[in-house]
Amino acid sequence: MELPKETVADLSKRLRRAEGQVRGVQQMLADGRDCREILTQLSAATKALEQAGFLLVAAGLTWCVSDPERATAEGYGLGDVQKMFMKLA
């Protein structure tokens, strides 16, 4: 699957943000912060990862629809992309 450079850049930015949030959770644990604050940060990290996953699947679906024969030949038929989407659900 070919991903546009803009999509790769957006995914990288989202993953760096999630990485920072996870590091923040680790620091909060080390600092003995309140569990509600930690849970809020964990939720934000989870959401960031989910959004990155949805962006990736959306890009894959767009690619499959724009060039269905090539996508199927490379193992990214619509059924395969639907399975990828369901992994996020």
PDB file of N, CA and C in Angstrom:
ATOM      1  N   MET A   1       0.845  -1.173   0.000  1.00  0.00           N
ATOM      2  CA  MET A   1       0.000   0.000   0.000  1.00  0.00           C
ATOM      3  C   MET A   1       0.890   1.234   0.000  1.00  0.00           C
ATOM      4  N   GLU A   2       0.543   2.155  -0.827  1.00  0.00           N
ATOM      5  CA  GLU A   2       1.269   3.415  -0.884  1.00  0.00           C
ATOM      6  C   GLU A   2       0.521   4.467  -0.074  1.00  0.00           C
ATOM      7  N   LEU A   3       1.215   5.050   0.862  1.00  0.00           N
ATOM      8  CA  LEU A   3       0.621   6.111   1.670  1.00  0.00           C
ATOM      9  C   LEU A   3       1.182   7.446   1.210  1.00  0.00           C
ATOM     10  N   PRO A   4       0.312   8.443   1.071  1.00  0.00           N
ATOM     11  CA  PRO A   4       0.805   9.774   0.717  1.00  0.00           C
ATOM     12  C   PRO A   4       1.755  10.302   1.800  1.00  0.00           C
ATOM     13  N   LYS A   5       2.720  11.105   1.377  1.00  0.00           N
ATOM     14  CA  LYS A   5       3.692  11.669   2.328  1.00  0.00           C
ATOM     15  C   LYS A   5       3.005  12.449   3.433  1.00  0.00           C
ATOM     16  N   GLU A   6       1.898  13.123   3.094  1.00  0.00           N
ATOM     17  CA  GLU A   6       1.177  13.899   4.111  1.00  0.00           C
ATOM     18  C   GLU A   6       0.582  12.972   5.175  1.00  0.00           C
ATOM     19  N   THR A   7       0.096  11.808   4.736  1.00  0.00           N
ATOM     20  CA  THR A   7      -0.486  10.845   5.677  1.00  0.00           C
ATOM     21  C   THR A   7       0.587  10.288   6.593  1.00  0.00           C
ATOM     22  N   VAL A   8       1.747   9.956   6.027  1.00  0.00           N
ATOM     23  CA  VAL A   8       2.857   9.435   6.835  1.00  0.00           C
ATOM     24  C   VAL A   8       3.296  10.489   7.849  1.00  0.00           C
ATOM     25  N   ALA A   9       3.369  11.745   7.417  1.00  0.00           N
ATOM     26  CA  ALA A   9       3.753  12.820   8.335  1.00  0.00           C
ATOM     27  C   ALA A   9       2.728  12.976   9.452  1.00  0.00           C
ATOM     28  N   ASP A  10       1.452  12.907   9.098  1.00  0.00           N
ATOM     29  CA  ASP A  10       0.386  13.034  10.101  1.00  0.00           C
ATOM     30  C   ASP A  10       0.436  11.862  11.078  1.00  0.00           C
ATOM     31  N   LEU A  11       0.630  10.649  10.560  1.00  0.00           N
ATOM     32  CA  LEU A  11       0.727   9.474  11.431  1.00  0.00           C
ATOM     33  C   LEU A  11       1.919   9.603  12.380  1.00  0.00           C
ATOM     34  N   SER A  12       3.039  10.038  11.855  1.00  0.00           N
ATOM     35  CA  SER A  12       4.234  10.201  12.693  1.00  0.00           C
ATOM     36  C   SER A  12       3.986  11.211  13.805  1.00  0.00           C
ATOM     37  N   LYS A  13       3.332  12.318  13.466  1.00  0.00           N
ATOM     38  CA  LYS A  13       3.025  13.344  14.459  1.00  0.00           C
ATOM     39  C   LYS A  13       2.103  12.781  15.542  1.00  0.00           C
ATOM     40  N   ARG A  14       1.093  12.048  15.140  1.00  0.00           N
ATOM     41  CA  ARG A  14       0.160  11.458  16.109  1.00  0.00           C
ATOM     42  C   ARG A  14       0.856  10.448  17.009  1.00  0.00           C
ATOM     43  N   LEU A  15       1.729   9.647  16.440  1.00  0.00           N
ATOM     44  CA  LEU A  15       2.436   8.637  17.235  1.00  0.00           C
ATOM     45  C   LEU A  15       3.433   9.286  18.199  1.00  0.00           C
ATOM     46  N   ARG A  16       4.080  10.353  17.775  1.00  0.00           N
ATOM     47  CA  ARG A  16       4.968  11.074  18.700  1.00  0.00           C
ATOM     48  C   ARG A  16       4.179  11.668  19.867  1.00  0.00           C
ATOM     49  N   ARG A  17       2.989  12.182  19.557  1.00  0.00           N
ATOM     50  CA  ARG A  17       2.137  12.737  20.606  1.00  0.00           C
ATOM     51  C   ARG A  17       1.748  11.636  21.606  1.00  0.00           C
ATOM     52  N   ALA A  18       1.345  10.479  21.087  1.00  0.00           N
ATOM     53  CA  ALA A  18       0.966   9.365  21.964  1.00  0.00           C
ATOM     54  C   ALA A  18       2.168   8.895  22.784  1.00  0.00           C
ATOM     55  N   GLU A  19       3.335   8.866  22.156  1.00  0.00           N
ATOM     56  CA  GLU A  19       4.552   8.474  22.863  1.00  0.00           C
ATOM     57  C   GLU A  19       4.819   9.422  24.031  1.00  0.00           C
ATOM     58  N   GLY A  20       4.650  10.710  23.798  1.00  0.00           N
ATOM     59  CA  GLY A  20       4.833  11.692  24.861  1.00  0.00           C
ATOM     60  C   GLY A  20       3.815  11.517  25.972  1.00  0.00           C
ATOM     61  N   GLN A  21       2.593  11.184  25.590  1.00  0.00           N
ATOM     62  CA  GLN A  21       1.558  10.977  26.605  1.00  0.00           C
ATOM     63  C   GLN A  21       1.872   9.754  27.466  1.00  0.00           C
ATOM     64  N   VAL A  22       2.379   8.700  26.842  1.00  0.00           N
ATOM     65  CA  VAL A  22       2.735   7.495  27.601  1.00  0.00           C
ATOM     66  C   VAL A  22       3.910   7.794  28.534  1.00  0.00           C
ATOM     67  N   ARG A  23       4.889   8.537  28.036  1.00  0.00           N
ATOM     68  CA  ARG A  23       5.989   8.932  28.921  1.00  0.00           C
ATOM     69  C   ARG A  23       5.472   9.776  30.082  1.00  0.00           C
ATOM     70  N   GLY A  24       4.492  10.623  29.797  1.00  0.00           N
ATOM     71  CA  GLY A  24       3.885  11.423  30.848  1.00  0.00           C
ATOM     72  C   GLY A  24       3.213  10.560  31.904  1.00  0.00           C
ATOM     73  N   VAL A  25       2.543   9.502  31.461  1.00  0.00           N
ATOM     74  CA  VAL A  25       1.896   8.573  32.407  1.00  0.00           C
ATOM     75  C   VAL A  25       2.950   7.905  33.275  1.00  0.00           C
ATOM     76  N   GLN A  26       4.052   7.492  32.665  1.00  0.00           N
ATOM     77  CA  GLN A  26       5.121   6.863  33.445  1.00  0.00           C
ATOM     78  C   GLN A  26       5.654   7.814  34.509  1.00  0.00           C
ATOM     79  N   GLN A  27       5.820   9.063  34.135  1.00  0.00           N
ATOM     80  CA  GLN A  27       6.323  10.052  35.086  1.00  0.00           C
ATOM     81  C   GLN A  27       5.294  10.307  36.190  1.00  0.00           C
ATOM     82  N   MET A  28       4.027  10.358  35.806  1.00  0.00           N
ATOM     83  CA  MET A  28       2.968  10.563  36.797  1.00  0.00           C
ATOM     84  C   MET A  28       2.950   9.431  37.812  1.00  0.00           C
ATOM     85  N   LEU A  29       3.150   8.208  37.338  1.00  0.00           N
ATOM     86  CA  LEU A  29       3.207   7.058  38.253  1.00  0.00           C
ATOM     87  C   LEU A  29       4.398   7.187  39.197  1.00  0.00           C
ATOM     88  N   ALA A  30       5.538   7.534  38.636  1.00  0.00           N
ATOM     89  CA  ALA A  30       6.749   7.691  39.450  1.00  0.00           C
ATOM     90  C   ALA A  30       6.588   8.799  40.483  1.00  0.00           C
ATOM     91  N   ASP A  31       5.830   9.836  40.121  1.00  0.00           N
ATOM     92  CA  ASP A  31       5.612  10.966  41.026  1.00  0.00           C
ATOM     93  C   ASP A  31       4.496  10.704  42.032  1.00  0.00           C
ATOM     94  N   GLY A  32       3.810   9.590  41.888  1.00  0.00           N
ATOM     95  CA  GLY A  32       2.725   9.273  42.813  1.00  0.00           C
ATOM     96  C   GLY A  32       1.488  10.124  42.615  1.00  0.00           C
ATOM     97  N   ARG A  33       1.219  10.539  41.381  1.00  0.00           N
ATOM     98  CA  ARG A  33       0.068  11.397  41.096  1.00  0.00           C
ATOM     99  C   ARG A  33      -1.241  10.651  41.292  1.00  0.00           C
ATOM    100  N   ASP A  34      -2.296  11.396  41.424  1.00  0.00           N
ATOM    101  CA  ASP A  34      -3.639  10.864  41.646  1.00  0.00           C
ATOM    102  C   ASP A  34      -4.057   9.966  40.486  1.00  0.00           C
ATOM    103  N   CYS A  35      -4.714   8.862  40.815  1.00  0.00           N
ATOM    104  CA  CYS A  35      -5.084   7.891  39.784  1.00  0.00           C
ATOM    105  C   CYS A  35      -6.055   8.483  38.755  1.00  0.00           C
ATOM    106  N   ARG A  36      -6.887   9.427  39.149  1.00  0.00           N
ATOM    107  CA  ARG A  36      -7.808  10.050  38.181  1.00  0.00           C
ATOM    108  C   ARG A  36      -7.041  10.837  37.131  1.00  0.00           C
ATOM    109  N   GLU A  37      -5.992  11.521  37.553  1.00  0.00           N
ATOM    110  CA  GLU A  37      -5.169  12.259  36.598  1.00  0.00           C
ATOM    111  C   GLU A  37      -4.450  11.308  35.651  1.00  0.00           C
ATOM    112  N   ILE A  38      -3.960  10.212  36.191  1.00  0.00           N
ATOM    113  CA  ILE A  38      -3.265   9.211  35.374  1.00  0.00           C
ATOM    114  C   ILE A  38      -4.232   8.597  34.372  1.00  0.00           C
ATOM    115  N   LEU A  39      -5.424   8.280  34.820  1.00  0.00           N
ATOM    116  CA  LEU A  39      -6.418   7.685  33.929  1.00  0.00           C
ATOM    117  C   LEU A  39      -6.789   8.638  32.801  1.00  0.00           C
ATOM    118  N   THR A  40      -6.889   9.916  33.102  1.00  0.00           N
ATOM    119  CA  THR A  40      -7.182  10.908  32.066  1.00  0.00           C
ATOM    120  C   THR A  40      -6.081  10.909  31.006  1.00  0.00           C
ATOM    121  N   GLN A  41      -4.843  10.845  31.435  1.00  0.00           N
ATOM    122  CA  GLN A  41      -3.718  10.834  30.496  1.00  0.00           C
ATOM    123  C   GLN A  41      -3.673   9.528  29.702  1.00  0.00           C
ATOM    124  N   LEU A  42      -3.969   8.419  30.351  1.00  0.00           N
ATOM    125  CA  LEU A  42      -4.034   7.130  29.640  1.00  0.00           C
ATOM    126  C   LEU A  42      -5.126   7.148  28.579  1.00  0.00           C
ATOM    127  N   SER A  43      -6.239   7.729  28.919  1.00  0.00           N
ATOM    128  CA  SER A  43      -7.342   7.838  27.965  1.00  0.00           C
ATOM    129  C   SER A  43      -6.932   8.668  26.754  1.00  0.00           C
ATOM    130  N   ALA A  44      -6.215   9.748  26.984  1.00  0.00           N
ATOM    131  CA  ALA A  44      -5.749  10.595  25.885  1.00  0.00           C
ATOM    132  C   ALA A  44      -4.771   9.835  24.986  1.00  0.00           C
ATOM    133  N   ALA A  45      -3.891   9.047  25.580  1.00  0.00           N
ATOM    134  CA  ALA A  45      -2.936   8.262  24.793  1.00  0.00           C
ATOM    135  C   ALA A  45      -3.664   7.200  23.968  1.00  0.00           C
ATOM    136  N   THR A  46      -4.642   6.559  24.575  1.00  0.00           N
ATOM    137  CA  THR A  46      -5.427   5.553  23.866  1.00  0.00           C
ATOM    138  C   THR A  46      -6.153   6.177  22.687  1.00  0.00           C
ATOM    139  N   LYS A  47      -6.753   7.322  22.910  1.00  0.00           N
ATOM    140  CA  LYS A  47      -7.477   8.028  21.843  1.00  0.00           C
ATOM    141  C   LYS A  47      -6.527   8.411  20.709  1.00  0.00           C
ATOM    142  N   ALA A  48      -5.339   8.872  21.044  1.00  0.00           N
ATOM    143  CA  ALA A  48      -4.362   9.257  20.026  1.00  0.00           C
ATOM    144  C   ALA A  48      -3.969   8.058  19.172  1.00  0.00           C
ATOM    145  N   LEU A  49      -3.772   6.904  19.797  1.00  0.00           N
ATOM    146  CA  LEU A  49      -3.428   5.695  19.043  1.00  0.00           C
ATOM    147  C   LEU A  49      -4.598   5.233  18.175  1.00  0.00           C
ATOM    148  N   GLU A  50      -5.808   5.310  18.710  1.00  0.00           N
ATOM    149  CA  GLU A  50      -6.983   4.931  17.920  1.00  0.00           C
ATOM    150  C   GLU A  50      -7.120   5.820  16.694  1.00  0.00           C
ATOM    151  N   GLN A  51      -6.922   7.122  16.872  1.00  0.00           N
ATOM    152  CA  GLN A  51      -7.029   8.052  15.752  1.00  0.00           C
ATOM    153  C   GLN A  51      -5.960   7.771  14.698  1.00  0.00           C
ATOM    154  N   ALA A  52      -4.775   7.416  15.123  1.00  0.00           N
ATOM    155  CA  ALA A  52      -3.723   7.051  14.171  1.00  0.00           C
ATOM    156  C   ALA A  52      -4.128   5.802  13.393  1.00  0.00           C
ATOM    157  N   GLY A  53      -4.708   4.838  14.083  1.00  0.00           N
ATOM    158  CA  GLY A  53      -5.169   3.620  13.416  1.00  0.00           C
ATOM    159  C   GLY A  53      -6.262   3.898  12.408  1.00  0.00           C
ATOM    160  N   PHE A  54      -7.218   4.735  12.781  1.00  0.00           N
ATOM    161  CA  PHE A  54      -8.303   5.073  11.853  1.00  0.00           C
ATOM    162  C   PHE A  54      -7.769   5.836  10.644  1.00  0.00           C
ATOM    163  N   LEU A  55      -6.808   6.705  10.860  1.00  0.00           N
ATOM    164  CA  LEU A  55      -6.208   7.428   9.742  1.00  0.00           C
ATOM    165  C   LEU A  55      -5.531   6.457   8.782  1.00  0.00           C
ATOM    166  N   LEU A  56      -4.830   5.485   9.325  1.00  0.00           N
ATOM    167  CA  LEU A  56      -4.151   4.488   8.499  1.00  0.00           C
ATOM    168  C   LEU A  56      -5.146   3.669   7.691  1.00  0.00           C
ATOM    169  N   VAL A  57      -6.216   3.224   8.326  1.00  0.00           N
ATOM    170  CA  VAL A  57      -7.239   2.445   7.621  1.00  0.00           C
ATOM    171  C   VAL A  57      -7.934   3.301   6.568  1.00  0.00           C
ATOM    172  N   ALA A  58      -8.217   4.543   6.886  1.00  0.00           N
ATOM    173  CA  ALA A  58      -8.861   5.433   5.911  1.00  0.00           C
ATOM    174  C   ALA A  58      -7.967   5.630   4.691  1.00  0.00           C
ATOM    175  N   ALA A  59      -6.678   5.789   4.924  1.00  0.00           N
ATOM    176  CA  ALA A  59      -5.747   5.932   3.806  1.00  0.00           C
ATOM    177  C   ALA A  59      -5.717   4.658   2.977  1.00  0.00           C
ATOM    178  N   GLY A  60      -5.751   3.512   3.647  1.00  0.00           N
ATOM    179  CA  GLY A  60      -5.772   2.234   2.935  1.00  0.00           C
ATOM    180  C   GLY A  60      -7.033   2.069   2.118  1.00  0.00           C
ATOM    181  N   LEU A  61      -8.136   2.435   2.692  1.00  0.00           N
ATOM    182  CA  LEU A  61      -9.413   2.321   1.980  1.00  0.00           C
ATOM    183  C   LEU A  61      -9.432   3.248   0.770  1.00  0.00           C
ATOM    184  N   THR A  62      -8.932   4.444   0.933  1.00  0.00           N
ATOM    185  CA  THR A  62      -8.857   5.389  -0.180  1.00  0.00           C
ATOM    186  C   THR A  62      -7.993   4.813  -1.296  1.00  0.00           C
ATOM    187  N   TRP A  63      -6.875   4.234  -0.932  1.00  0.00           N
ATOM    188  CA  TRP A  63      -5.971   3.639  -1.912  1.00  0.00           C
ATOM    189  C   TRP A  63      -6.649   2.472  -2.627  1.00  0.00           C
ATOM    190  N   CYS A  64      -7.349   1.635  -1.869  1.00  0.00           N
ATOM    191  CA  CYS A  64      -8.043   0.476  -2.463  1.00  0.00           C
ATOM    192  C   CYS A  64      -9.115   0.904  -3.454  1.00  0.00           C
ATOM    193  N   VAL A  65      -9.844   1.928  -3.123  1.00  0.00           N
ATOM    194  CA  VAL A  65     -10.927   2.395  -3.991  1.00  0.00           C
ATOM    195  C   VAL A  65     -10.360   3.066  -5.242  1.00  0.00           C
ATOM    196  N   SER A  66      -9.236   3.751  -5.093  1.00  0.00           N
ATOM    197  CA  SER A  66      -8.677   4.471  -6.238  1.00  0.00           C
ATOM    198  C   SER A  66      -7.980   3.533  -7.227  1.00  0.00           C
ATOM    199  N   ASP A  67      -7.481   2.392  -6.768  1.00  0.00           N
ATOM    200  CA  ASP A  67      -6.791   1.443  -7.655  1.00  0.00           C
ATOM    201  C   ASP A  67      -7.094   0.018  -7.193  1.00  0.00           C
ATOM    202  N   PRO A  68      -8.341  -0.443  -7.393  1.00  0.00           N
ATOM    203  CA  PRO A  68      -8.762  -1.727  -6.831  1.00  0.00           C
ATOM    204  C   PRO A  68      -7.979  -2.940  -7.338  1.00  0.00           C
ATOM    205  N   GLU A  69      -7.594  -2.947  -8.614  1.00  0.00           N
ATOM    206  CA  GLU A  69      -6.866  -4.120  -9.119  1.00  0.00           C
ATOM    207  C   GLU A  69      -5.499  -4.251  -8.464  1.00  0.00           C
ATOM    208  N   ARG A  70      -4.785  -3.141  -8.382  1.00  0.00           N
ATOM    209  CA  ARG A  70      -3.460  -3.154  -7.753  1.00  0.00           C
ATOM    210  C   ARG A  70      -3.564  -3.468  -6.266  1.00  0.00           C
ATOM    211  N   ALA A  71      -4.552  -2.880  -5.623  1.00  0.00           N
ATOM    212  CA  ALA A  71      -4.741  -3.126  -4.194  1.00  0.00           C
ATOM    213  C   ALA A  71      -4.985  -4.611  -3.932  1.00  0.00           C
ATOM    214  N   THR A  72      -5.858  -5.215  -4.714  1.00  0.00           N
ATOM    215  CA  THR A  72      -6.152  -6.637  -4.543  1.00  0.00           C
ATOM    216  C   THR A  72      -4.910  -7.477  -4.816  1.00  0.00           C
ATOM    217  N   ALA A  73      -4.166  -7.118  -5.847  1.00  0.00           N
ATOM    218  CA  ALA A  73      -2.947  -7.857  -6.184  1.00  0.00           C
ATOM    219  C   ALA A  73      -1.911  -7.790  -5.056  1.00  0.00           C
ATOM    220  N   GLU A  74      -1.910  -6.687  -4.321  1.00  0.00           N
ATOM    221  CA  GLU A  74      -0.955  -6.514  -3.220  1.00  0.00           C
ATOM    222  C   GLU A  74      -1.523  -6.980  -1.874  1.00  0.00           C
ATOM    223  N   GLY A  75      -2.699  -7.606  -1.900  1.00  0.00           N
ATOM    224  CA  GLY A  75      -3.276  -8.152  -0.671  1.00  0.00           C
ATOM    225  C   GLY A  75      -4.099  -7.171   0.132  1.00  0.00           C
ATOM    226  N   TYR A  76      -4.558  -6.104  -0.521  1.00  0.00           N
ATOM    227  CA  TYR A  76      -5.373  -5.105   0.159  1.00  0.00           C
ATOM    228  C   TYR A  76      -6.722  -4.949  -0.529  1.00  0.00           C
ATOM    229  N   GLY A  77      -7.400  -6.064  -0.736  1.00  0.00           N
ATOM    230  CA  GLY A  77      -8.751  -5.986  -1.261  1.00  0.00           C
ATOM    231  C   GLY A  77      -9.664  -5.340  -0.234  1.00  0.00           C
ATOM    232  N   LEU A  78     -10.846  -4.966  -0.660  1.00  0.00           N
ATOM    233  CA  LEU A  78     -11.775  -4.299   0.268  1.00  0.00           C
ATOM    234  C   LEU A  78     -12.052  -5.145   1.501  1.00  0.00           C
ATOM    235  N   GLY A  79     -12.165  -6.457   1.321  1.00  0.00           N
ATOM    236  CA  GLY A  79     -12.393  -7.339   2.468  1.00  0.00           C
ATOM    237  C   GLY A  79     -11.251  -7.277   3.467  1.00  0.00           C
ATOM    238  N   ASP A  80     -10.028  -7.199   2.959  1.00  0.00           N
ATOM    239  CA  ASP A  80      -8.858  -7.112   3.836  1.00  0.00           C
ATOM    240  C   ASP A  80      -8.857  -5.804   4.622  1.00  0.00           C
ATOM    241  N   VAL A  81      -9.208  -4.716   3.949  1.00  0.00           N
ATOM    242  CA  VAL A  81      -9.245  -3.411   4.628  1.00  0.00           C
ATOM    243  C   VAL A  81     -10.376  -3.385   5.651  1.00  0.00           C
ATOM    244  N   GLN A  82     -11.492  -4.029   5.333  1.00  0.00           N
ATOM    245  CA  GLN A  82     -12.590  -4.108   6.302  1.00  0.00           C
ATOM    246  C   GLN A  82     -12.128  -4.854   7.555  1.00  0.00           C
ATOM    247  N   LYS A  83     -11.367  -5.914   7.388  1.00  0.00           N
ATOM    248  CA  LYS A  83     -10.836  -6.663   8.547  1.00  0.00           C
ATOM    249  C   LYS A  83      -9.913  -5.763   9.372  1.00  0.00           C
ATOM    250  N   MET A  84      -9.104  -4.955   8.681  1.00  0.00           N
ATOM    251  CA  MET A  84      -8.221  -4.032   9.396  1.00  0.00           C
ATOM    252  C   MET A  84      -9.049  -3.056  10.209  1.00  0.00           C
ATOM    253  N   PHE A  85     -10.106  -2.547   9.612  1.00  0.00           N
ATOM    254  CA  PHE A  85     -10.980  -1.604  10.310  1.00  0.00           C
ATOM    255  C   PHE A  85     -11.602  -2.257  11.538  1.00  0.00           C
ATOM    256  N   MET A  86     -12.048  -3.480  11.402  1.00  0.00           N
ATOM    257  CA  MET A  86     -12.705  -4.167  12.511  1.00  0.00           C
ATOM    258  C   MET A  86     -11.745  -4.426  13.671  1.00  0.00           C
ATOM    259  N   LYS A  87     -10.459  -4.525  13.396  1.00  0.00           N
ATOM    260  CA  LYS A  87      -9.484  -4.690  14.481  1.00  0.00           C
ATOM    261  C   LYS A  87      -9.469  -3.464  15.391  1.00  0.00           C
ATOM    262  N   LEU A  88      -9.840  -2.325  14.845  1.00  0.00           N
ATOM    263  CA  LEU A  88      -9.856  -1.099  15.644  1.00  0.00           C
ATOM    264  C   LEU A  88     -11.150  -0.917  16.415  1.00  0.00           C
ATOM    265  N   ALA A  89     -12.183  -1.602  15.966  1.00  0.00           N
ATOM    266  CA  ALA A  89     -13.510  -1.417  16.575  1.00  0.00           C
ATOM    267  C   ALA A  89     -13.577  -2.063  17.945  1.00  0.00           C
TER     268      ALA A  89
END
